[in-house]
């Protein structure tokens, strides 16, 4: 099949870039908050007040430390500091491996496919996960928002990843569970896969991979 624009064969994917939360690691905010708020509607409101608020986004970006974000949430919501700290701890502890995705990553690594990671995550939570999980060495490069102070879906973070690891976007695919991040990656020239589960992801990858 030839490229309709210039008659050349389209370039195939050589590099695979994974998001973490919701893709490699389990992430369910409602599940995290269920221990702190049983009422469904109040829990939904709490989720918005916590994870959709600019304070948490600044925490993801690395503009606020964990202590600072706890201070802000305590002051803004009027909830006990001990509870806010416990919620942050619960977030950290909830990020367990998705076994099927980790198996896929290991299989790709065995085939010699270069793997990378691009994730929105506070630096303190990432530091904890570095100790807990053993799959980090499978990645040739990792970009964490809290360390580089850039977040998805901002175009700068995709450009940073590509430049830092000398990746050609047309030879790379980005996998994320959020459409807004996928759309931004596509605008950056990357192939994309919107993650639903590891089996679906693997099927879509196989249609793109060179190896």
N, C-alpha and C. Protein backbone atom coordinates (compact mmCIF):
# COMPACT_ATOMS: atom_id res chain seq x y z
N UNK A 1 0.86 -1.20 0.00
CA UNK A 1 0.00 0.00 0.00
C UNK A 1 0.89 1.23 0.00
N UNK A 2 0.64 2.19 -0.86
CA UNK A 2 1.47 3.38 -0.96
C UNK A 2 0.79 4.56 -0.33
N UNK A 3 1.61 5.55 0.06
CA UNK A 3 1.10 6.79 0.62
C UNK A 3 0.42 7.57 -0.49
N UNK A 4 -0.83 7.94 -0.28
CA UNK A 4 -1.60 8.62 -1.32
C UNK A 4 -1.05 9.99 -1.65
N UNK A 5 -0.27 10.58 -0.73
CA UNK A 5 0.22 11.93 -0.96
C UNK A 5 1.49 11.97 -1.78
N UNK A 6 2.43 11.06 -1.52
CA UNK A 6 3.71 11.18 -2.22
C UNK A 6 4.15 9.87 -2.88
N UNK A 7 3.32 8.84 -2.88
CA UNK A 7 3.65 7.62 -3.58
C UNK A 7 4.63 6.72 -2.86
N UNK A 8 5.10 7.11 -1.68
CA UNK A 8 6.04 6.28 -0.93
C UNK A 8 5.29 5.38 0.04
N UNK A 9 5.92 4.25 0.39
CA UNK A 9 5.35 3.39 1.42
C UNK A 9 5.39 4.11 2.76
N UNK A 10 4.32 4.09 3.54
CA UNK A 10 4.34 4.75 4.85
C UNK A 10 5.34 4.07 5.77
N UNK A 11 5.98 4.87 6.62
CA UNK A 11 6.94 4.33 7.57
C UNK A 11 6.22 3.55 8.66
N UNK A 12 6.83 2.42 9.05
CA UNK A 12 6.23 1.59 10.07
C UNK A 12 6.79 1.94 11.44
N UNK A 13 6.10 1.49 12.47
CA UNK A 13 6.47 1.85 13.84
C UNK A 13 7.63 1.00 14.34
N UNK A 14 8.61 1.66 14.94
CA UNK A 14 9.75 0.98 15.55
C UNK A 14 9.79 1.19 17.07
N UNK A 15 9.19 2.26 17.56
CA UNK A 15 9.25 2.63 18.98
C UNK A 15 7.84 2.65 19.57
N UNK A 16 7.70 2.14 20.79
CA UNK A 16 6.40 2.10 21.46
C UNK A 16 6.49 2.89 22.76
N UNK A 17 5.58 3.86 22.93
CA UNK A 17 5.58 4.76 24.09
C UNK A 17 4.31 4.50 24.90
N UNK A 18 4.47 4.16 26.16
CA UNK A 18 3.34 3.84 27.04
C UNK A 18 3.09 4.96 28.05
N UNK A 19 1.82 5.27 28.26
CA UNK A 19 1.37 5.97 29.46
C UNK A 19 1.45 5.00 30.63
N UNK A 20 1.38 5.50 31.86
CA UNK A 20 1.40 4.62 33.03
C UNK A 20 0.00 4.40 33.60
N UNK A 21 -0.56 5.39 34.29
CA UNK A 21 -1.85 5.23 34.96
C UNK A 21 -2.98 4.92 33.99
N UNK A 22 -3.65 3.80 34.21
CA UNK A 22 -4.74 3.37 33.33
C UNK A 22 -4.27 2.48 32.20
N UNK A 23 -2.96 2.35 32.01
CA UNK A 23 -2.40 1.53 30.93
C UNK A 23 -1.49 0.45 31.51
N UNK A 24 -0.41 0.87 32.14
CA UNK A 24 0.54 -0.08 32.77
C UNK A 24 0.16 -0.32 34.23
N UNK A 25 -0.39 0.72 34.86
CA UNK A 25 -0.77 0.65 36.27
C UNK A 25 -2.27 0.87 36.41
N UNK A 26 -2.87 0.14 37.32
CA UNK A 26 -4.30 0.30 37.61
C UNK A 26 -4.54 1.71 38.17
N UNK A 27 -5.56 2.40 37.65
CA UNK A 27 -5.91 3.72 38.16
C UNK A 27 -7.42 3.89 38.12
N UNK A 28 -8.02 3.97 39.30
CA UNK A 28 -9.46 4.12 39.42
C UNK A 28 -9.75 5.09 40.56
N UNK A 29 -9.91 6.39 40.25
CA UNK A 29 -10.13 7.39 41.30
C UNK A 29 -11.34 7.12 42.19
N UNK A 30 -12.44 6.62 41.59
CA UNK A 30 -13.63 6.33 42.39
C UNK A 30 -13.33 5.24 43.42
N UNK A 31 -12.57 4.25 43.01
CA UNK A 31 -12.19 3.18 43.91
C UNK A 31 -11.33 3.71 45.06
N UNK A 32 -10.40 4.60 44.74
CA UNK A 32 -9.54 5.22 45.76
C UNK A 32 -10.38 5.97 46.78
N UNK A 33 -11.36 6.74 46.29
CA UNK A 33 -12.13 7.63 47.16
C UNK A 33 -13.27 6.92 47.90
N UNK A 34 -13.58 5.69 47.50
CA UNK A 34 -14.70 4.98 48.12
C UNK A 34 -14.48 4.76 49.62
N UNK A 35 -13.23 4.69 50.04
CA UNK A 35 -12.94 4.50 51.47
C UNK A 35 -13.16 5.79 52.27
N UNK A 36 -13.25 6.91 51.55
CA UNK A 36 -13.36 8.21 52.22
C UNK A 36 -14.75 8.84 52.06
N UNK A 37 -15.50 8.39 51.04
CA UNK A 37 -16.83 8.93 50.81
C UNK A 37 -17.69 7.84 50.17
N UNK A 38 -18.71 7.36 50.92
CA UNK A 38 -19.52 6.26 50.43
C UNK A 38 -20.62 6.72 49.46
N UNK A 39 -21.13 7.92 49.65
CA UNK A 39 -22.20 8.42 48.79
C UNK A 39 -21.66 8.68 47.37
N UNK A 40 -22.35 8.11 46.38
CA UNK A 40 -21.85 8.17 45.00
C UNK A 40 -21.76 9.61 44.50
N UNK A 41 -22.79 10.41 44.73
CA UNK A 41 -22.79 11.79 44.22
C UNK A 41 -21.74 12.63 44.94
N UNK A 42 -21.63 12.47 46.25
CA UNK A 42 -20.62 13.22 46.99
C UNK A 42 -19.21 12.78 46.60
N UNK A 43 -19.07 11.49 46.30
CA UNK A 43 -17.75 11.00 45.87
C UNK A 43 -17.38 11.57 44.51
N UNK A 44 -18.36 11.68 43.62
CA UNK A 44 -18.11 12.28 42.31
C UNK A 44 -17.67 13.74 42.47
N UNK A 45 -18.33 14.46 43.36
CA UNK A 45 -17.96 15.85 43.60
C UNK A 45 -16.56 15.95 44.20
N UNK A 46 -16.24 15.04 45.12
CA UNK A 46 -14.91 15.03 45.73
C UNK A 46 -13.84 14.75 44.68
N UNK A 47 -14.15 13.82 43.77
CA UNK A 47 -13.19 13.52 42.70
C UNK A 47 -12.89 14.77 41.87
N UNK A 48 -13.94 15.51 41.54
CA UNK A 48 -13.74 16.75 40.78
C UNK A 48 -12.91 17.76 41.58
N UNK A 49 -13.23 17.89 42.86
CA UNK A 49 -12.53 18.85 43.71
C UNK A 49 -11.07 18.49 43.93
N UNK A 50 -10.75 17.21 43.82
CA UNK A 50 -9.37 16.76 44.02
C UNK A 50 -8.61 16.64 42.70
N UNK A 51 -8.98 15.67 41.89
CA UNK A 51 -8.15 15.28 40.76
C UNK A 51 -8.37 16.14 39.52
N UNK A 52 -9.50 16.82 39.42
CA UNK A 52 -9.75 17.70 38.26
C UNK A 52 -9.38 19.14 38.55
N UNK A 53 -8.98 19.43 39.78
CA UNK A 53 -8.67 20.81 40.17
C UNK A 53 -7.24 21.19 39.76
N UNK A 54 -7.02 22.49 39.60
CA UNK A 54 -5.70 22.98 39.21
C UNK A 54 -4.61 22.62 40.22
N UNK A 55 -4.99 22.47 41.50
CA UNK A 55 -3.99 22.10 42.51
C UNK A 55 -3.34 20.76 42.16
N UNK A 56 -4.17 19.76 41.82
CA UNK A 56 -3.62 18.44 41.49
C UNK A 56 -2.85 18.49 40.17
N UNK A 57 -3.33 19.28 39.25
CA UNK A 57 -2.62 19.43 37.98
C UNK A 57 -1.24 20.05 38.19
N UNK A 58 -1.15 20.98 39.13
CA UNK A 58 0.15 21.56 39.46
C UNK A 58 1.04 20.56 40.20
N UNK A 59 0.43 19.68 40.96
CA UNK A 59 1.15 18.58 41.61
C UNK A 59 1.72 17.64 40.54
N UNK A 60 0.89 17.28 39.57
CA UNK A 60 1.35 16.48 38.43
C UNK A 60 2.51 17.15 37.70
N UNK A 61 2.42 18.47 37.56
CA UNK A 61 3.42 19.22 36.80
C UNK A 61 4.75 19.34 37.54
N UNK A 62 4.72 19.16 38.84
CA UNK A 62 5.92 19.37 39.63
C UNK A 62 6.05 20.79 40.13
N UNK A 63 4.98 21.58 39.98
CA UNK A 63 5.00 22.96 40.47
C UNK A 63 4.63 23.03 41.95
N UNK A 64 4.02 21.97 42.49
CA UNK A 64 3.70 21.87 43.91
C UNK A 64 4.27 20.57 44.45
N UNK A 65 4.85 20.63 45.65
CA UNK A 65 5.32 19.41 46.32
C UNK A 65 4.11 18.70 46.93
N UNK A 66 4.34 17.50 47.44
CA UNK A 66 3.25 16.77 48.08
C UNK A 66 2.75 17.51 49.31
N UNK A 67 3.65 18.07 50.11
CA UNK A 67 3.25 18.84 51.28
C UNK A 67 2.42 20.05 50.88
N UNK A 68 2.84 20.73 49.82
CA UNK A 68 2.12 21.93 49.38
C UNK A 68 0.73 21.59 48.86
N UNK A 69 0.60 20.50 48.11
CA UNK A 69 -0.72 20.17 47.58
C UNK A 69 -1.66 19.74 48.71
N UNK A 70 -1.14 19.05 49.71
CA UNK A 70 -1.96 18.69 50.87
C UNK A 70 -2.41 19.95 51.61
N UNK A 71 -1.50 20.91 51.77
CA UNK A 71 -1.84 22.19 52.41
C UNK A 71 -2.98 22.87 51.67
N UNK A 72 -2.87 22.92 50.36
CA UNK A 72 -3.88 23.63 49.55
C UNK A 72 -5.23 22.93 49.61
N UNK A 73 -5.23 21.62 49.50
CA UNK A 73 -6.50 20.89 49.52
C UNK A 73 -7.17 21.02 50.89
N UNK A 74 -6.38 20.93 51.95
CA UNK A 74 -6.92 21.09 53.30
C UNK A 74 -7.59 22.46 53.46
N UNK A 75 -6.90 23.51 53.00
CA UNK A 75 -7.44 24.86 53.13
C UNK A 75 -8.65 25.08 52.24
N UNK A 76 -8.62 24.54 51.05
CA UNK A 76 -9.69 24.78 50.08
C UNK A 76 -10.95 24.00 50.40
N UNK A 77 -10.82 22.76 50.83
CA UNK A 77 -11.99 21.91 51.07
C UNK A 77 -12.40 21.84 52.53
N UNK A 78 -11.51 22.29 53.42
CA UNK A 78 -11.83 22.25 54.84
C UNK A 78 -11.88 20.85 55.41
N UNK A 79 -11.23 19.91 54.76
CA UNK A 79 -11.20 18.54 55.25
C UNK A 79 -9.98 18.36 56.14
N UNK A 80 -10.00 17.44 57.09
CA UNK A 80 -8.87 17.26 57.99
C UNK A 80 -7.59 16.93 57.22
N UNK A 81 -6.50 17.51 57.68
CA UNK A 81 -5.22 17.27 57.00
C UNK A 81 -4.88 15.78 56.97
N UNK A 82 -5.18 15.07 58.04
CA UNK A 82 -4.87 13.64 58.09
C UNK A 82 -5.62 12.88 57.00
N UNK A 83 -6.86 13.30 56.71
CA UNK A 83 -7.64 12.64 55.67
C UNK A 83 -7.07 12.94 54.29
N UNK A 84 -6.70 14.20 54.06
CA UNK A 84 -6.11 14.57 52.76
C UNK A 84 -4.82 13.80 52.52
N UNK A 85 -3.98 13.72 53.54
CA UNK A 85 -2.73 12.95 53.42
C UNK A 85 -3.02 11.48 53.16
N UNK A 86 -4.06 10.96 53.79
CA UNK A 86 -4.43 9.55 53.59
C UNK A 86 -4.92 9.31 52.17
N UNK A 87 -5.62 10.28 51.59
CA UNK A 87 -6.07 10.16 50.20
C UNK A 87 -4.86 10.09 49.26
N UNK A 88 -3.89 10.97 49.47
CA UNK A 88 -2.69 10.95 48.63
C UNK A 88 -1.97 9.61 48.77
N UNK A 89 -1.88 9.11 49.99
CA UNK A 89 -1.28 7.79 50.21
C UNK A 89 -2.08 6.69 49.50
N UNK A 90 -3.40 6.81 49.53
CA UNK A 90 -4.24 5.81 48.87
C UNK A 90 -4.04 5.84 47.36
N UNK A 91 -3.85 7.01 46.80
CA UNK A 91 -3.54 7.13 45.37
C UNK A 91 -2.26 6.36 45.07
N UNK A 92 -1.25 6.62 45.86
CA UNK A 92 0.06 5.98 45.67
C UNK A 92 -0.05 4.45 45.73
N UNK A 93 -0.77 3.96 46.75
CA UNK A 93 -0.88 2.52 46.95
C UNK A 93 -1.77 1.85 45.92
N UNK A 94 -2.68 2.61 45.31
CA UNK A 94 -3.61 2.03 44.34
C UNK A 94 -2.96 1.71 43.00
N UNK A 95 -1.80 2.28 42.74
CA UNK A 95 -1.16 2.15 41.43
C UNK A 95 -0.39 0.84 41.33
N UNK A 96 -1.15 -0.23 41.25
CA UNK A 96 -0.57 -1.57 41.13
C UNK A 96 -0.48 -1.95 39.66
N UNK A 97 0.35 -2.92 39.36
CA UNK A 97 0.56 -3.35 37.97
C UNK A 97 -0.72 -3.92 37.36
N UNK A 98 -0.91 -3.64 36.07
CA UNK A 98 -1.91 -4.34 35.27
C UNK A 98 -1.17 -5.52 34.62
N UNK A 99 -1.38 -6.73 35.12
CA UNK A 99 -0.54 -7.86 34.70
C UNK A 99 -0.50 -8.10 33.20
N UNK A 100 -1.64 -7.96 32.53
CA UNK A 100 -1.67 -8.21 31.09
C UNK A 100 -0.82 -7.20 30.32
N UNK A 101 -0.85 -5.95 30.75
CA UNK A 101 -0.03 -4.94 30.07
C UNK A 101 1.45 -5.18 30.33
N UNK A 102 1.79 -5.51 31.56
CA UNK A 102 3.20 -5.77 31.88
C UNK A 102 3.71 -6.98 31.09
N UNK A 103 2.87 -7.99 30.92
CA UNK A 103 3.26 -9.14 30.08
C UNK A 103 3.51 -8.69 28.64
N UNK A 104 2.66 -7.81 28.13
CA UNK A 104 2.84 -7.29 26.77
C UNK A 104 4.15 -6.52 26.67
N UNK A 105 4.43 -5.69 27.65
CA UNK A 105 5.68 -4.92 27.64
C UNK A 105 6.89 -5.85 27.64
N UNK A 106 6.85 -6.88 28.46
CA UNK A 106 7.97 -7.83 28.51
C UNK A 106 8.13 -8.56 27.17
N UNK A 107 7.02 -8.92 26.54
CA UNK A 107 7.09 -9.60 25.24
C UNK A 107 7.67 -8.68 24.17
N UNK A 108 7.27 -7.42 24.17
CA UNK A 108 7.82 -6.46 23.21
C UNK A 108 9.32 -6.27 23.43
N UNK A 109 9.72 -6.18 24.70
CA UNK A 109 11.13 -6.02 25.02
C UNK A 109 11.93 -7.23 24.54
N UNK A 110 11.38 -8.43 24.70
CA UNK A 110 12.05 -9.63 24.25
C UNK A 110 12.26 -9.62 22.73
N UNK A 111 11.39 -8.95 22.02
CA UNK A 111 11.51 -8.85 20.55
C UNK A 111 12.47 -7.75 20.12
N UNK A 112 13.02 -7.04 21.08
CA UNK A 112 13.98 -5.99 20.76
C UNK A 112 13.36 -4.67 20.35
N UNK A 113 12.09 -4.47 20.68
CA UNK A 113 11.40 -3.22 20.33
C UNK A 113 11.70 -2.17 21.39
N UNK A 114 12.24 -1.01 21.01
CA UNK A 114 12.52 0.04 21.99
C UNK A 114 11.23 0.56 22.62
N UNK A 115 11.21 0.60 23.94
CA UNK A 115 10.02 1.01 24.70
C UNK A 115 10.32 2.27 25.49
N UNK A 116 9.32 3.14 25.56
CA UNK A 116 9.46 4.41 26.28
C UNK A 116 8.20 4.64 27.10
N UNK A 117 8.30 5.59 28.00
CA UNK A 117 7.18 5.90 28.89
C UNK A 117 7.00 7.41 28.96
N UNK A 118 5.75 7.86 28.85
CA UNK A 118 5.40 9.27 29.01
C UNK A 118 4.16 9.33 29.88
N UNK A 119 4.30 9.90 31.09
CA UNK A 119 3.19 9.86 32.04
C UNK A 119 3.06 11.15 32.82
N UNK A 120 1.81 11.56 33.05
CA UNK A 120 1.53 12.62 34.01
C UNK A 120 1.51 11.99 35.40
N UNK A 121 2.47 12.40 36.24
CA UNK A 121 2.56 11.81 37.57
C UNK A 121 3.42 12.70 38.47
N UNK A 122 2.99 12.95 39.70
CA UNK A 122 3.83 13.70 40.62
C UNK A 122 5.15 12.96 40.89
N UNK A 123 6.21 13.71 41.08
CA UNK A 123 7.53 13.11 41.26
C UNK A 123 7.59 12.23 42.50
N UNK A 124 6.92 12.62 43.58
CA UNK A 124 6.98 11.84 44.82
C UNK A 124 6.29 10.49 44.66
N UNK A 125 5.21 10.45 43.91
CA UNK A 125 4.51 9.18 43.67
C UNK A 125 5.35 8.30 42.75
N UNK A 126 5.94 8.90 41.73
CA UNK A 126 6.82 8.13 40.83
C UNK A 126 8.00 7.53 41.59
N UNK A 127 8.59 8.29 42.50
CA UNK A 127 9.73 7.78 43.28
C UNK A 127 9.32 6.54 44.07
N UNK A 128 8.12 6.56 44.62
CA UNK A 128 7.61 5.39 45.36
C UNK A 128 7.45 4.20 44.43
N UNK A 129 6.89 4.44 43.24
CA UNK A 129 6.64 3.36 42.30
C UNK A 129 7.94 2.78 41.73
N UNK A 130 8.97 3.59 41.64
CA UNK A 130 10.27 3.09 41.16
C UNK A 130 10.79 1.98 42.07
N UNK A 131 10.53 2.10 43.36
CA UNK A 131 10.99 1.10 44.32
C UNK A 131 10.06 -0.12 44.30
N UNK A 132 8.77 0.11 44.13
CA UNK A 132 7.79 -0.97 44.25
C UNK A 132 7.80 -1.91 43.05
N UNK A 133 7.94 -1.38 41.83
CA UNK A 133 7.79 -2.18 40.62
C UNK A 133 9.13 -2.49 39.98
N UNK A 134 9.18 -3.61 39.26
CA UNK A 134 10.45 -4.07 38.70
C UNK A 134 10.55 -4.01 37.20
N UNK A 135 9.62 -3.29 36.55
CA UNK A 135 9.63 -3.30 35.09
C UNK A 135 10.33 -2.09 34.46
N UNK A 136 10.87 -1.19 35.27
CA UNK A 136 11.40 0.07 34.75
C UNK A 136 12.55 -0.12 33.77
N UNK A 137 13.38 -1.14 34.00
CA UNK A 137 14.53 -1.36 33.13
C UNK A 137 14.13 -1.82 31.73
N UNK A 138 12.87 -2.15 31.53
CA UNK A 138 12.41 -2.53 30.20
C UNK A 138 12.28 -1.31 29.28
N UNK A 139 12.23 -0.12 29.87
CA UNK A 139 12.08 1.11 29.09
C UNK A 139 13.44 1.70 28.73
N UNK A 140 13.57 2.12 27.48
CA UNK A 140 14.79 2.80 27.04
C UNK A 140 14.82 4.26 27.49
N UNK A 141 13.67 4.80 27.82
CA UNK A 141 13.60 6.18 28.29
C UNK A 141 12.26 6.46 28.94
N UNK A 142 12.26 7.31 29.95
CA UNK A 142 11.05 7.62 30.71
C UNK A 142 10.95 9.13 30.91
N UNK A 143 9.77 9.68 30.63
CA UNK A 143 9.49 11.09 30.90
C UNK A 143 8.30 11.16 31.85
N UNK A 144 8.51 11.76 33.01
CA UNK A 144 7.48 11.93 34.04
C UNK A 144 7.21 13.42 34.20
N UNK A 145 5.95 13.80 34.14
CA UNK A 145 5.58 15.22 34.15
C UNK A 145 6.14 15.96 35.37
N UNK A 146 6.06 15.31 36.54
CA UNK A 146 6.52 15.97 37.76
C UNK A 146 8.01 16.23 37.79
N UNK A 147 8.77 15.53 36.93
CA UNK A 147 10.21 15.75 36.86
C UNK A 147 10.58 16.78 35.80
N UNK A 148 9.81 16.86 34.71
CA UNK A 148 10.17 17.78 33.62
C UNK A 148 9.32 19.05 33.63
N UNK A 149 8.32 19.10 34.51
CA UNK A 149 7.43 20.26 34.67
C UNK A 149 6.70 20.62 33.37
N UNK A 150 6.28 19.58 32.67
CA UNK A 150 5.41 19.69 31.50
C UNK A 150 4.40 18.55 31.60
N UNK A 151 3.18 18.78 31.14
CA UNK A 151 2.15 17.76 31.26
C UNK A 151 1.45 17.53 29.92
N UNK A 152 0.98 16.29 29.73
CA UNK A 152 0.06 16.02 28.63
C UNK A 152 -1.27 16.72 28.94
N UNK A 153 -1.97 17.23 27.97
CA UNK A 153 -1.74 17.13 26.53
C UNK A 153 -0.98 18.31 25.92
N UNK A 154 -0.18 19.00 26.69
CA UNK A 154 0.58 20.12 26.13
C UNK A 154 1.55 19.62 25.06
N UNK A 155 1.63 20.31 23.92
CA UNK A 155 2.51 19.83 22.84
C UNK A 155 3.98 19.78 23.24
N UNK A 156 4.38 20.64 24.18
CA UNK A 156 5.79 20.70 24.57
C UNK A 156 6.30 19.38 25.15
N UNK A 157 5.45 18.64 25.85
CA UNK A 157 5.94 17.42 26.50
C UNK A 157 6.18 16.32 25.47
N UNK A 158 5.37 16.28 24.41
CA UNK A 158 5.61 15.31 23.34
C UNK A 158 6.89 15.67 22.58
N UNK A 159 7.07 16.97 22.32
CA UNK A 159 8.30 17.41 21.66
C UNK A 159 9.53 17.09 22.50
N UNK A 160 9.39 17.26 23.81
CA UNK A 160 10.51 16.96 24.72
C UNK A 160 10.88 15.48 24.65
N UNK A 161 9.89 14.61 24.70
CA UNK A 161 10.14 13.17 24.62
C UNK A 161 10.86 12.82 23.32
N UNK A 162 10.35 13.31 22.21
CA UNK A 162 10.92 12.98 20.90
C UNK A 162 12.35 13.49 20.77
N UNK A 163 12.59 14.72 21.23
CA UNK A 163 13.93 15.30 21.12
C UNK A 163 14.90 14.61 22.08
N UNK A 164 14.48 14.39 23.30
CA UNK A 164 15.37 13.82 24.32
C UNK A 164 15.89 12.44 23.92
N UNK A 165 15.02 11.63 23.30
CA UNK A 165 15.41 10.26 22.96
C UNK A 165 15.62 10.07 21.46
N UNK A 166 15.64 11.19 20.74
CA UNK A 166 15.94 11.18 19.30
C UNK A 166 15.02 10.22 18.55
N UNK A 167 13.73 10.37 18.78
CA UNK A 167 12.72 9.53 18.14
C UNK A 167 12.08 10.27 16.97
N UNK A 168 11.83 9.54 15.90
CA UNK A 168 11.06 10.08 14.79
C UNK A 168 9.58 9.81 15.05
N UNK A 169 8.74 10.83 15.06
CA UNK A 169 7.33 10.61 15.42
C UNK A 169 6.64 9.62 14.49
N UNK A 170 6.97 9.66 13.19
CA UNK A 170 6.31 8.76 12.24
C UNK A 170 6.74 7.30 12.41
N UNK A 171 7.79 7.07 13.21
CA UNK A 171 8.23 5.71 13.50
C UNK A 171 7.87 5.28 14.94
N UNK A 172 7.01 6.05 15.59
CA UNK A 172 6.71 5.83 17.00
C UNK A 172 5.19 5.83 17.22
N UNK A 173 4.75 5.01 18.19
CA UNK A 173 3.34 4.97 18.55
C UNK A 173 3.19 5.28 20.03
N UNK A 174 2.19 6.08 20.35
CA UNK A 174 1.91 6.46 21.73
C UNK A 174 0.61 5.82 22.18
N UNK A 175 0.63 5.20 23.37
CA UNK A 175 -0.52 4.48 23.91
C UNK A 175 -0.97 5.17 25.20
N UNK A 176 -2.24 5.56 25.25
CA UNK A 176 -2.79 6.26 26.41
C UNK A 176 -4.26 5.89 26.53
N UNK A 177 -4.81 6.01 27.74
CA UNK A 177 -6.22 5.69 27.94
C UNK A 177 -7.13 6.91 27.86
N UNK A 178 -6.57 8.10 27.65
CA UNK A 178 -7.36 9.32 27.56
C UNK A 178 -7.32 9.90 26.15
N UNK A 179 -8.50 10.12 25.58
CA UNK A 179 -8.58 10.59 24.20
C UNK A 179 -7.88 11.94 24.01
N UNK A 180 -7.97 12.83 25.00
CA UNK A 180 -7.35 14.15 24.85
C UNK A 180 -5.84 14.04 24.69
N UNK A 181 -5.22 13.08 25.37
CA UNK A 181 -3.77 12.88 25.24
C UNK A 181 -3.41 12.23 23.92
N UNK A 182 -4.26 11.33 23.46
CA UNK A 182 -4.07 10.68 22.16
C UNK A 182 -4.17 11.71 21.03
N UNK A 183 -5.16 12.58 21.12
CA UNK A 183 -5.35 13.60 20.08
C UNK A 183 -4.15 14.52 20.00
N UNK A 184 -3.60 14.91 21.16
CA UNK A 184 -2.42 15.77 21.17
C UNK A 184 -1.20 15.06 20.59
N UNK A 185 -1.06 13.77 20.90
CA UNK A 185 0.05 12.99 20.35
C UNK A 185 -0.06 12.88 18.84
N UNK A 186 -1.26 12.70 18.34
CA UNK A 186 -1.48 12.63 16.90
C UNK A 186 -1.09 13.93 16.23
N UNK A 187 -1.42 15.05 16.87
CA UNK A 187 -1.02 16.36 16.31
C UNK A 187 0.49 16.52 16.30
N UNK A 188 1.18 15.83 17.21
CA UNK A 188 2.64 15.87 17.24
C UNK A 188 3.27 14.94 16.20
N UNK A 189 2.44 14.23 15.45
CA UNK A 189 2.93 13.38 14.38
C UNK A 189 3.09 11.92 14.73
N UNK A 190 2.71 11.55 15.97
CA UNK A 190 2.85 10.17 16.43
C UNK A 190 1.68 9.31 15.96
N UNK A 191 1.95 8.03 15.71
CA UNK A 191 0.87 7.06 15.63
C UNK A 191 0.28 6.95 17.04
N UNK A 192 -0.96 6.54 17.15
CA UNK A 192 -1.58 6.49 18.48
C UNK A 192 -2.48 5.25 18.60
N UNK A 193 -2.61 4.81 19.85
CA UNK A 193 -3.57 3.77 20.21
C UNK A 193 -4.28 4.22 21.48
N UNK A 194 -5.60 4.30 21.42
CA UNK A 194 -6.40 4.60 22.61
C UNK A 194 -6.60 3.29 23.36
N UNK A 195 -6.00 3.18 24.55
CA UNK A 195 -5.97 1.93 25.30
C UNK A 195 -7.30 1.62 25.95
N UNK A 196 -7.79 0.40 25.71
CA UNK A 196 -8.96 -0.12 26.44
C UNK A 196 -8.55 -1.32 27.30
N UNK A 197 -7.77 -2.20 26.72
CA UNK A 197 -7.21 -3.33 27.48
C UNK A 197 -5.99 -3.83 26.72
N UNK A 198 -5.24 -4.72 27.36
CA UNK A 198 -3.97 -5.16 26.78
C UNK A 198 -4.18 -5.94 25.49
N UNK A 199 -5.23 -6.75 25.41
CA UNK A 199 -5.48 -7.55 24.21
C UNK A 199 -5.78 -6.66 23.01
N UNK A 200 -6.64 -5.67 23.20
CA UNK A 200 -6.95 -4.72 22.12
C UNK A 200 -5.72 -3.94 21.72
N UNK A 201 -4.94 -3.52 22.71
CA UNK A 201 -3.71 -2.77 22.45
C UNK A 201 -2.73 -3.60 21.61
N UNK A 202 -2.56 -4.86 21.99
CA UNK A 202 -1.64 -5.74 21.26
C UNK A 202 -2.09 -5.93 19.82
N UNK A 203 -3.37 -6.12 19.60
CA UNK A 203 -3.88 -6.29 18.23
C UNK A 203 -3.57 -5.07 17.38
N UNK A 204 -3.80 -3.89 17.92
CA UNK A 204 -3.54 -2.67 17.16
C UNK A 204 -2.05 -2.45 16.94
N UNK A 205 -1.25 -2.81 17.93
CA UNK A 205 0.20 -2.68 17.79
C UNK A 205 0.73 -3.55 16.68
N UNK A 206 0.26 -4.78 16.60
CA UNK A 206 0.78 -5.73 15.62
C UNK A 206 0.57 -5.24 14.19
N UNK A 207 -0.47 -4.45 13.98
CA UNK A 207 -0.72 -3.92 12.64
C UNK A 207 0.26 -2.79 12.28
N UNK A 208 0.94 -2.25 13.29
CA UNK A 208 1.83 -1.11 13.07
C UNK A 208 3.31 -1.46 13.10
N UNK A 209 3.68 -2.50 13.85
CA UNK A 209 5.08 -2.75 14.15
C UNK A 209 5.86 -3.28 12.95
N UNK A 210 7.11 -2.83 12.88
CA UNK A 210 8.04 -3.30 11.86
C UNK A 210 8.47 -4.73 12.18
N UNK A 211 8.79 -4.98 13.49
CA UNK A 211 9.38 -6.25 13.91
C UNK A 211 8.30 -7.25 14.26
